[in-house]
N, C-alpha and C. Protein backbone atom coordinates (compact mmCIF):
# COMPACT_ATOMS: atom_id res chain seq x y z
N MET A 1 7.36 8.97 14.05
CA MET A 1 6.87 9.17 12.69
C MET A 1 7.39 10.51 12.18
N GLN A 2 8.20 10.47 11.13
CA GLN A 2 8.73 11.69 10.52
C GLN A 2 8.12 11.88 9.15
N LYS A 3 7.97 13.14 8.80
CA LYS A 3 7.47 13.48 7.47
C LYS A 3 8.66 13.88 6.60
N LEU A 4 8.56 13.62 5.32
CA LEU A 4 9.65 13.91 4.39
C LEU A 4 10.05 15.37 4.44
N VAL A 5 9.11 16.26 4.60
CA VAL A 5 9.39 17.69 4.59
C VAL A 5 10.27 18.10 5.79
N GLN A 6 10.32 17.30 6.85
CA GLN A 6 11.08 17.61 8.06
C GLN A 6 12.54 17.16 7.99
N ILE A 7 12.91 16.40 6.99
CA ILE A 7 14.25 15.82 6.91
C ILE A 7 15.26 16.88 6.46
N PRO A 8 16.38 17.02 7.18
CA PRO A 8 17.40 17.99 6.77
C PRO A 8 18.08 17.57 5.46
N LEU A 9 18.66 18.54 4.78
CA LEU A 9 19.35 18.27 3.52
C LEU A 9 20.43 17.22 3.71
N ASN A 10 20.57 16.38 2.71
CA ASN A 10 21.60 15.34 2.62
C ASN A 10 21.47 14.21 3.64
N GLN A 11 20.33 14.07 4.29
CA GLN A 11 20.09 12.93 5.19
C GLN A 11 19.24 11.91 4.45
N THR A 12 19.71 10.69 4.38
CA THR A 12 19.00 9.63 3.68
C THR A 12 17.95 9.00 4.59
N VAL A 13 16.76 8.84 4.05
CA VAL A 13 15.66 8.18 4.76
C VAL A 13 14.98 7.22 3.78
N TYR A 14 14.03 6.45 4.29
CA TYR A 14 13.32 5.47 3.48
C TYR A 14 11.82 5.71 3.58
N ILE A 15 11.15 5.62 2.47
CA ILE A 15 9.71 5.87 2.43
C ILE A 15 8.98 4.75 3.17
N GLN A 16 8.09 5.15 4.05
CA GLN A 16 7.30 4.19 4.80
C GLN A 16 5.85 4.17 4.29
N GLU A 17 5.29 5.37 4.05
CA GLU A 17 3.89 5.44 3.63
C GLU A 17 3.62 6.75 2.92
N ILE A 18 2.71 6.73 1.96
CA ILE A 18 2.27 7.94 1.27
C ILE A 18 0.80 8.15 1.60
N GLN A 19 0.48 9.31 2.18
CA GLN A 19 -0.89 9.58 2.63
C GLN A 19 -1.55 10.69 1.82
N CYS A 20 -1.22 10.79 0.54
CA CYS A 20 -1.77 11.83 -0.34
C CYS A 20 -3.11 11.36 -0.92
N LYS A 21 -3.78 12.30 -1.59
CA LYS A 21 -4.98 11.95 -2.35
C LYS A 21 -4.58 10.93 -3.42
N GLU A 22 -5.53 10.14 -3.84
CA GLU A 22 -5.24 9.02 -4.73
C GLU A 22 -4.55 9.43 -6.03
N ASN A 23 -4.97 10.54 -6.65
CA ASN A 23 -4.34 10.95 -7.91
C ASN A 23 -2.89 11.39 -7.70
N VAL A 24 -2.60 12.08 -6.61
CA VAL A 24 -1.23 12.49 -6.30
C VAL A 24 -0.41 11.27 -5.91
N LYS A 25 -1.00 10.39 -5.13
CA LYS A 25 -0.31 9.17 -4.71
C LYS A 25 0.09 8.34 -5.92
N ARG A 26 -0.80 8.22 -6.90
CA ARG A 26 -0.50 7.46 -8.12
C ARG A 26 0.68 8.08 -8.86
N ARG A 27 0.71 9.41 -8.95
CA ARG A 27 1.81 10.09 -9.65
C ARG A 27 3.13 9.83 -8.95
N LEU A 28 3.13 9.91 -7.60
CA LEU A 28 4.35 9.66 -6.84
C LEU A 28 4.80 8.21 -6.97
N LEU A 29 3.86 7.29 -6.95
CA LEU A 29 4.21 5.88 -7.14
C LEU A 29 4.80 5.65 -8.52
N ASP A 30 4.24 6.30 -9.53
CA ASP A 30 4.76 6.18 -10.89
C ASP A 30 6.19 6.72 -11.02
N LEU A 31 6.54 7.69 -10.17
CA LEU A 31 7.89 8.25 -10.17
C LEU A 31 8.88 7.38 -9.38
N GLY A 32 8.37 6.33 -8.74
CA GLY A 32 9.25 5.41 -8.02
C GLY A 32 9.25 5.57 -6.52
N LEU A 33 8.38 6.40 -5.98
CA LEU A 33 8.31 6.59 -4.54
C LEU A 33 7.43 5.50 -3.93
N ILE A 34 8.03 4.33 -3.74
CA ILE A 34 7.29 3.22 -3.16
C ILE A 34 7.89 2.88 -1.80
N GLN A 35 7.16 2.13 -1.01
CA GLN A 35 7.60 1.78 0.33
C GLN A 35 8.98 1.13 0.29
N GLY A 36 9.88 1.62 1.17
CA GLY A 36 11.23 1.08 1.27
C GLY A 36 12.24 1.77 0.38
N THR A 37 11.81 2.68 -0.48
CA THR A 37 12.72 3.38 -1.39
C THR A 37 13.53 4.42 -0.64
N LYS A 38 14.83 4.47 -0.95
CA LYS A 38 15.73 5.45 -0.35
C LYS A 38 15.51 6.81 -1.00
N ILE A 39 15.44 7.87 -0.18
CA ILE A 39 15.22 9.22 -0.69
C ILE A 39 16.02 10.20 0.16
N LYS A 40 16.57 11.24 -0.50
CA LYS A 40 17.41 12.20 0.21
C LYS A 40 17.15 13.61 -0.32
N PRO A 41 16.82 14.57 0.58
CA PRO A 41 16.67 15.96 0.13
C PRO A 41 18.04 16.54 -0.25
N ILE A 42 18.11 17.17 -1.42
CA ILE A 42 19.38 17.69 -1.93
C ILE A 42 19.40 19.22 -1.97
N PHE A 43 18.37 19.84 -2.52
CA PHE A 43 18.32 21.30 -2.66
C PHE A 43 16.97 21.83 -2.21
N LYS A 44 16.99 23.03 -1.63
CA LYS A 44 15.75 23.76 -1.35
C LYS A 44 15.71 24.97 -2.28
N SER A 45 14.54 25.29 -2.78
CA SER A 45 14.42 26.50 -3.58
C SER A 45 14.64 27.71 -2.67
N PRO A 46 14.89 28.88 -3.23
CA PRO A 46 15.15 30.06 -2.39
C PRO A 46 14.06 30.35 -1.35
N LEU A 47 12.82 30.04 -1.67
CA LEU A 47 11.74 30.26 -0.71
C LEU A 47 11.41 29.01 0.11
N GLY A 48 12.15 27.91 -0.14
CA GLY A 48 11.96 26.69 0.63
C GLY A 48 10.92 25.74 0.09
N ASP A 49 10.25 26.10 -0.98
CA ASP A 49 9.22 25.23 -1.56
C ASP A 49 9.23 25.40 -3.07
N PRO A 50 9.49 24.38 -3.84
CA PRO A 50 9.62 22.97 -3.52
C PRO A 50 11.05 22.60 -3.10
N ILE A 51 11.24 21.32 -2.82
CA ILE A 51 12.54 20.76 -2.47
C ILE A 51 12.86 19.68 -3.49
N ALA A 52 14.14 19.64 -3.91
CA ALA A 52 14.58 18.60 -4.84
C ALA A 52 15.11 17.41 -4.04
N TYR A 53 14.61 16.23 -4.37
CA TYR A 53 14.99 15.00 -3.68
C TYR A 53 15.68 14.06 -4.65
N GLU A 54 16.72 13.38 -4.17
CA GLU A 54 17.37 12.35 -4.98
C GLU A 54 16.69 11.02 -4.69
N ILE A 55 16.23 10.39 -5.75
CA ILE A 55 15.60 9.08 -5.63
C ILE A 55 16.01 8.24 -6.83
N ARG A 56 16.61 7.12 -6.57
CA ARG A 56 17.04 6.19 -7.63
C ARG A 56 17.96 6.88 -8.65
N GLY A 57 18.85 7.77 -8.16
CA GLY A 57 19.81 8.44 -9.03
C GLY A 57 19.25 9.61 -9.82
N THR A 58 18.02 10.02 -9.54
CA THR A 58 17.36 11.11 -10.26
C THR A 58 16.89 12.17 -9.26
N LEU A 59 16.93 13.43 -9.66
CA LEU A 59 16.38 14.50 -8.83
C LEU A 59 14.93 14.75 -9.19
N ILE A 60 14.09 14.75 -8.18
CA ILE A 60 12.66 15.00 -8.36
C ILE A 60 12.26 16.11 -7.42
N SER A 61 11.56 17.10 -7.93
CA SER A 61 11.08 18.21 -7.13
C SER A 61 9.70 17.88 -6.59
N ILE A 62 9.54 18.01 -5.27
CA ILE A 62 8.26 17.72 -4.63
C ILE A 62 7.86 18.92 -3.78
N ARG A 63 6.63 19.37 -3.96
CA ARG A 63 6.12 20.48 -3.16
C ARG A 63 5.99 20.08 -1.70
N ASN A 64 6.16 21.04 -0.81
CA ASN A 64 6.07 20.77 0.62
C ASN A 64 4.70 20.20 1.01
N GLU A 65 3.67 20.62 0.31
CA GLU A 65 2.32 20.12 0.61
C GLU A 65 2.26 18.60 0.46
N GLU A 66 2.90 18.07 -0.60
CA GLU A 66 2.93 16.62 -0.79
C GLU A 66 3.95 15.97 0.12
N ALA A 67 5.12 16.59 0.28
CA ALA A 67 6.17 16.02 1.13
C ALA A 67 5.72 15.92 2.59
N ASN A 68 4.78 16.76 2.97
CA ASN A 68 4.25 16.73 4.34
C ASN A 68 3.36 15.50 4.55
N ARG A 69 2.95 14.84 3.48
CA ARG A 69 2.07 13.67 3.57
C ARG A 69 2.81 12.37 3.28
N ILE A 70 4.15 12.45 3.18
CA ILE A 70 4.96 11.26 2.96
C ILE A 70 5.69 10.92 4.25
N ILE A 71 5.39 9.76 4.81
CA ILE A 71 5.98 9.33 6.07
C ILE A 71 7.25 8.55 5.75
N VAL A 72 8.33 8.90 6.46
CA VAL A 72 9.63 8.26 6.21
C VAL A 72 10.20 7.74 7.53
N LYS A 73 11.22 6.89 7.39
CA LYS A 73 11.93 6.38 8.56
C LYS A 73 13.41 6.25 8.22
N THR A 74 14.23 6.29 9.26
CA THR A 74 15.66 6.02 9.07
C THR A 74 15.87 4.53 9.31
N ARG A 75 16.90 4.00 8.74
CA ARG A 75 17.16 2.57 8.94
C ARG A 75 18.31 2.32 9.83
């Protein structure tokens, strides 16, 4: 079981589960982070938080606190 925050830059993984609070989970689902979706970390901010992820051709910034609650897998 890997967490999204642990994935090195430019490695593609797939979302397996989101274990955030319901309001945060709803926001992430609305952004397209659903089970089976391909996601790849692209940039880290200078202090390492947040990280920009490519999902469905768009860059989305996710804080490490939330990324630590997103379970991913490689295919």
